[in-house]
Amino acid sequence: MRQPQRSQHEWRQLFKQHQQSGLSAVEFCRQHHINIQTFYARRSDIRLQHRQSKFVQVKREVTMVEPRECAEAEQITLEYGAGRLSLPIAVEPHWLAALMKALNE
């Protein structure tokens, strides 16, 4: 005799009962008149749905930065205590980072 189809909620309840029972899946299915292959298939389906639901689709926006022409007079000025260092605005960020690291040592 074929059992009526169970809802996803009912399957989740059965899986919880199985975990709490301490029985093997085969013995649990035998006691509850569940086909063992159906039990494993539904458990796999629900696990897969649970894993997939953790992902969120993210739209990535790309911001284009247009290089701008700058006057040669534009400078970056670093001041610390009585010291002052002026650099052209077009200085490479990596170079500036290396300079700051070296000054910090």
C-alpha atoms as a PDB file:
ATOM      1  CA  MET A   1       0.000   0.000   0.000  1.00  0.00           C
ATOM      2  CA  ARG A   2       1.399   3.363  -1.010  1.00  0.00           C
ATOM      3  CA  GLN A   3       1.811   6.024   1.676  1.00  0.00           C
ATOM      4  CA  PRO A   4       0.429   9.527   1.051  1.00  0.00           C
ATOM      5  CA  GLN A   5       3.016  12.096   0.024  1.00  0.00           C
ATOM      6  CA  ARG A   6       4.594  13.917   2.934  1.00  0.00           C
ATOM      7  CA  SER A   7       5.208  17.638   2.990  1.00  0.00           C
ATOM      8  CA  GLN A   8       8.676  19.054   3.415  1.00  0.00           C
ATOM      9  CA  HIS A   9       7.753  19.990   6.988  1.00  0.00           C
ATOM     10  CA  GLU A  10       6.720  16.395   7.717  1.00  0.00           C
ATOM     11  CA  TRP A  11       9.997  15.096   6.302  1.00  0.00           C
ATOM     12  CA  ARG A  12      11.952  17.521   8.480  1.00  0.00           C
ATOM     13  CA  GLN A  13      10.041  16.284  11.519  1.00  0.00           C
ATOM     14  CA  LEU A  14      10.819  12.669  10.575  1.00  0.00           C
ATOM     15  CA  PHE A  15      14.532  13.453  10.181  1.00  0.00           C
ATOM     16  CA  LYS A  16      14.533  15.136  13.587  1.00  0.00           C
ATOM     17  CA  GLN A  17      12.773  12.084  15.099  1.00  0.00           C
ATOM     18  CA  HIS A  18      15.329   9.813  13.446  1.00  0.00           C
ATOM     19  CA  GLN A  19      18.244  11.775  14.942  1.00  0.00           C
ATOM     20  CA  GLN A  20      16.690  11.695  18.407  1.00  0.00           C
ATOM     21  CA  SER A  21      15.800   8.010  18.197  1.00  0.00           C
ATOM     22  CA  GLY A  22      19.362   6.721  18.044  1.00  0.00           C
ATOM     23  CA  LEU A  23      18.204   4.095  15.536  1.00  0.00           C
ATOM     24  CA  SER A  24      19.882   3.336  12.263  1.00  0.00           C
ATOM     25  CA  ALA A  25      18.147   4.789   9.222  1.00  0.00           C
ATOM     26  CA  VAL A  26      17.140   1.279   8.123  1.00  0.00           C
ATOM     27  CA  GLU A  27      15.552   0.414  11.481  1.00  0.00           C
ATOM     28  CA  PHE A  28      13.838   3.810  11.779  1.00  0.00           C
ATOM     29  CA  CYS A  29      12.370   3.453   8.285  1.00  0.00           C
ATOM     30  CA  ARG A  30      11.232  -0.093   9.029  1.00  0.00           C
ATOM     31  CA  GLN A  31       9.398   1.071  12.166  1.00  0.00           C
ATOM     32  CA  HIS A  32       7.762   4.024  10.379  1.00  0.00           C
ATOM     33  CA  HIS A  33       6.965   2.149   7.149  1.00  0.00           C
ATOM     34  CA  ILE A  34       9.186   4.398   5.029  1.00  0.00           C
ATOM     35  CA  ASN A  35      11.055   3.227   1.957  1.00  0.00           C
ATOM     36  CA  ILE A  36      14.757   3.625   2.802  1.00  0.00           C
ATOM     37  CA  GLN A  37      15.616   4.965  -0.667  1.00  0.00           C
ATOM     38  CA  THR A  38      12.856   7.571  -0.379  1.00  0.00           C
ATOM     39  CA  PHE A  39      14.153   8.523   3.074  1.00  0.00           C
ATOM     40  CA  TYR A  40      17.680   9.119   1.752  1.00  0.00           C
ATOM     41  CA  ALA A  41      16.424  10.922  -1.372  1.00  0.00           C
ATOM     42  CA  ARG A  42      14.236  13.348   0.623  1.00  0.00           C
ATOM     43  CA  ARG A  43      17.035  13.965   3.137  1.00  0.00           C
ATOM     44  CA  SER A  44      19.409  14.760   0.290  1.00  0.00           C
ATOM     45  CA  ASP A  45      16.853  17.090  -1.367  1.00  0.00           C
ATOM     46  CA  ILE A  46      16.247  19.006   1.839  1.00  0.00           C
ATOM     47  CA  ARG A  47      19.968  19.331   2.603  1.00  0.00           C
ATOM     48  CA  LEU A  48      20.583  20.608  -0.919  1.00  0.00           C
ATOM     49  CA  GLN A  49      17.782  23.172  -0.614  1.00  0.00           C
ATOM     50  CA  HIS A  50      19.135  24.282   2.751  1.00  0.00           C
ATOM     51  CA  ARG A  51      22.647  24.784   1.345  1.00  0.00           C
ATOM     52  CA  GLN A  52      21.384  26.684  -1.668  1.00  0.00           C
ATOM     53  CA  SER A  53      19.264  29.005   0.458  1.00  0.00           C
ATOM     54  CA  LYS A  54      22.379  30.359   2.193  1.00  0.00           C
ATOM     55  CA  PHE A  55      23.547  32.061  -0.974  1.00  0.00           C
ATOM     56  CA  VAL A  56      22.358  35.526  -1.880  1.00  0.00           C
ATOM     57  CA  GLN A  57      22.715  36.915  -5.358  1.00  0.00           C
ATOM     58  CA  VAL A  58      24.696  40.127  -5.306  1.00  0.00           C
ATOM     59  CA  LYS A  59      24.760  42.649  -8.081  1.00  0.00           C
ATOM     60  CA  ARG A  60      28.158  44.182  -8.481  1.00  0.00           C
ATOM     61  CA  GLU A  61      28.342  47.725  -9.705  1.00  0.00           C
ATOM     62  CA  VAL A  62      31.551  48.802 -11.347  1.00  0.00           C
ATOM     63  CA  THR A  63      32.513  52.392 -10.845  1.00  0.00           C
ATOM     64  CA  MET A  64      34.682  53.818 -13.539  1.00  0.00           C
ATOM     65  CA  VAL A  65      37.130  56.443 -12.414  1.00  0.00           C
ATOM     66  CA  GLU A  66      38.064  58.877 -15.105  1.00  0.00           C
ATOM     67  CA  PRO A  67      41.602  60.163 -14.879  1.00  0.00           C
ATOM     68  CA  ARG A  68      41.548  63.897 -14.611  1.00  0.00           C
ATOM     69  CA  GLU A  69      44.030  66.373 -15.834  1.00  0.00           C
ATOM     70  CA  CYS A  70      45.603  68.199 -12.969  1.00  0.00           C
ATOM     71  CA  ALA A  71      47.648  71.313 -12.849  1.00  0.00           C
ATOM     72  CA  GLU A  72      51.306  70.805 -12.073  1.00  0.00           C
ATOM     73  CA  ALA A  73      50.918  73.014  -9.038  1.00  0.00           C
ATOM     74  CA  GLU A  74      48.657  70.453  -7.321  1.00  0.00           C
ATOM     75  CA  GLN A  75      50.597  68.668  -4.640  1.00  0.00           C
ATOM     76  CA  ILE A  76      50.194  66.355  -1.682  1.00  0.00           C
ATOM     77  CA  THR A  77      51.682  67.880   1.428  1.00  0.00           C
ATOM     78  CA  LEU A  78      52.500  65.736   4.442  1.00  0.00           C
ATOM     79  CA  GLU A  79      53.220  67.502   7.684  1.00  0.00           C
ATOM     80  CA  TYR A  80      54.419  65.886  10.877  1.00  0.00           C
ATOM     81  CA  GLY A  81      55.720  67.979  13.735  1.00  0.00           C
ATOM     82  CA  ALA A  82      58.123  70.488  12.232  1.00  0.00           C
ATOM     83  CA  GLY A  83      58.673  68.404   9.075  1.00  0.00           C
ATOM     84  CA  ARG A  84      56.932  69.046   5.774  1.00  0.00           C
ATOM     85  CA  LEU A  85      57.049  67.008   2.558  1.00  0.00           C
ATOM     86  CA  SER A  86      55.396  68.089  -0.686  1.00  0.00           C
ATOM     87  CA  LEU A  87      54.909  65.611  -3.514  1.00  0.00           C
ATOM     88  CA  PRO A  88      53.270  65.861  -6.932  1.00  0.00           C
ATOM     89  CA  ILE A  89      49.648  64.735  -6.935  1.00  0.00           C
ATOM     90  CA  ALA A  90      50.483  62.041  -9.505  1.00  0.00           C
ATOM     91  CA  VAL A  91      52.870  60.217  -7.140  1.00  0.00           C
ATOM     92  CA  GLU A  92      52.392  56.450  -7.243  1.00  0.00           C
ATOM     93  CA  PRO A  93      50.451  55.227  -4.173  1.00  0.00           C
ATOM     94  CA  HIS A  94      52.801  52.229  -3.776  1.00  0.00           C
ATOM     95  CA  TRP A  95      55.815  54.499  -3.718  1.00  0.00           C
ATOM     96  CA  LEU A  96      54.173  56.759  -1.141  1.00  0.00           C
ATOM     97  CA  ALA A  97      53.258  53.750   1.018  1.00  0.00           C
ATOM     98  CA  ALA A  98      56.847  52.476   0.860  1.00  0.00           C
ATOM     99  CA  LEU A  99      58.151  55.936   1.814  1.00  0.00           C
ATOM    100  CA  MET A 100      55.794  56.150   4.790  1.00  0.00           C
ATOM    101  CA  LYS A 101      56.787  52.664   5.913  1.00  0.00           C
ATOM    102  CA  ALA A 102      60.491  53.530   5.668  1.00  0.00           C
ATOM    103  CA  LEU A 103      59.979  56.746   7.640  1.00  0.00           C
ATOM    104  CA  ASN A 104      58.111  54.837  10.318  1.00  0.00           C
ATOM    105  CA  GLU A 105      61.009  52.404  10.920  1.00  0.00           C
END
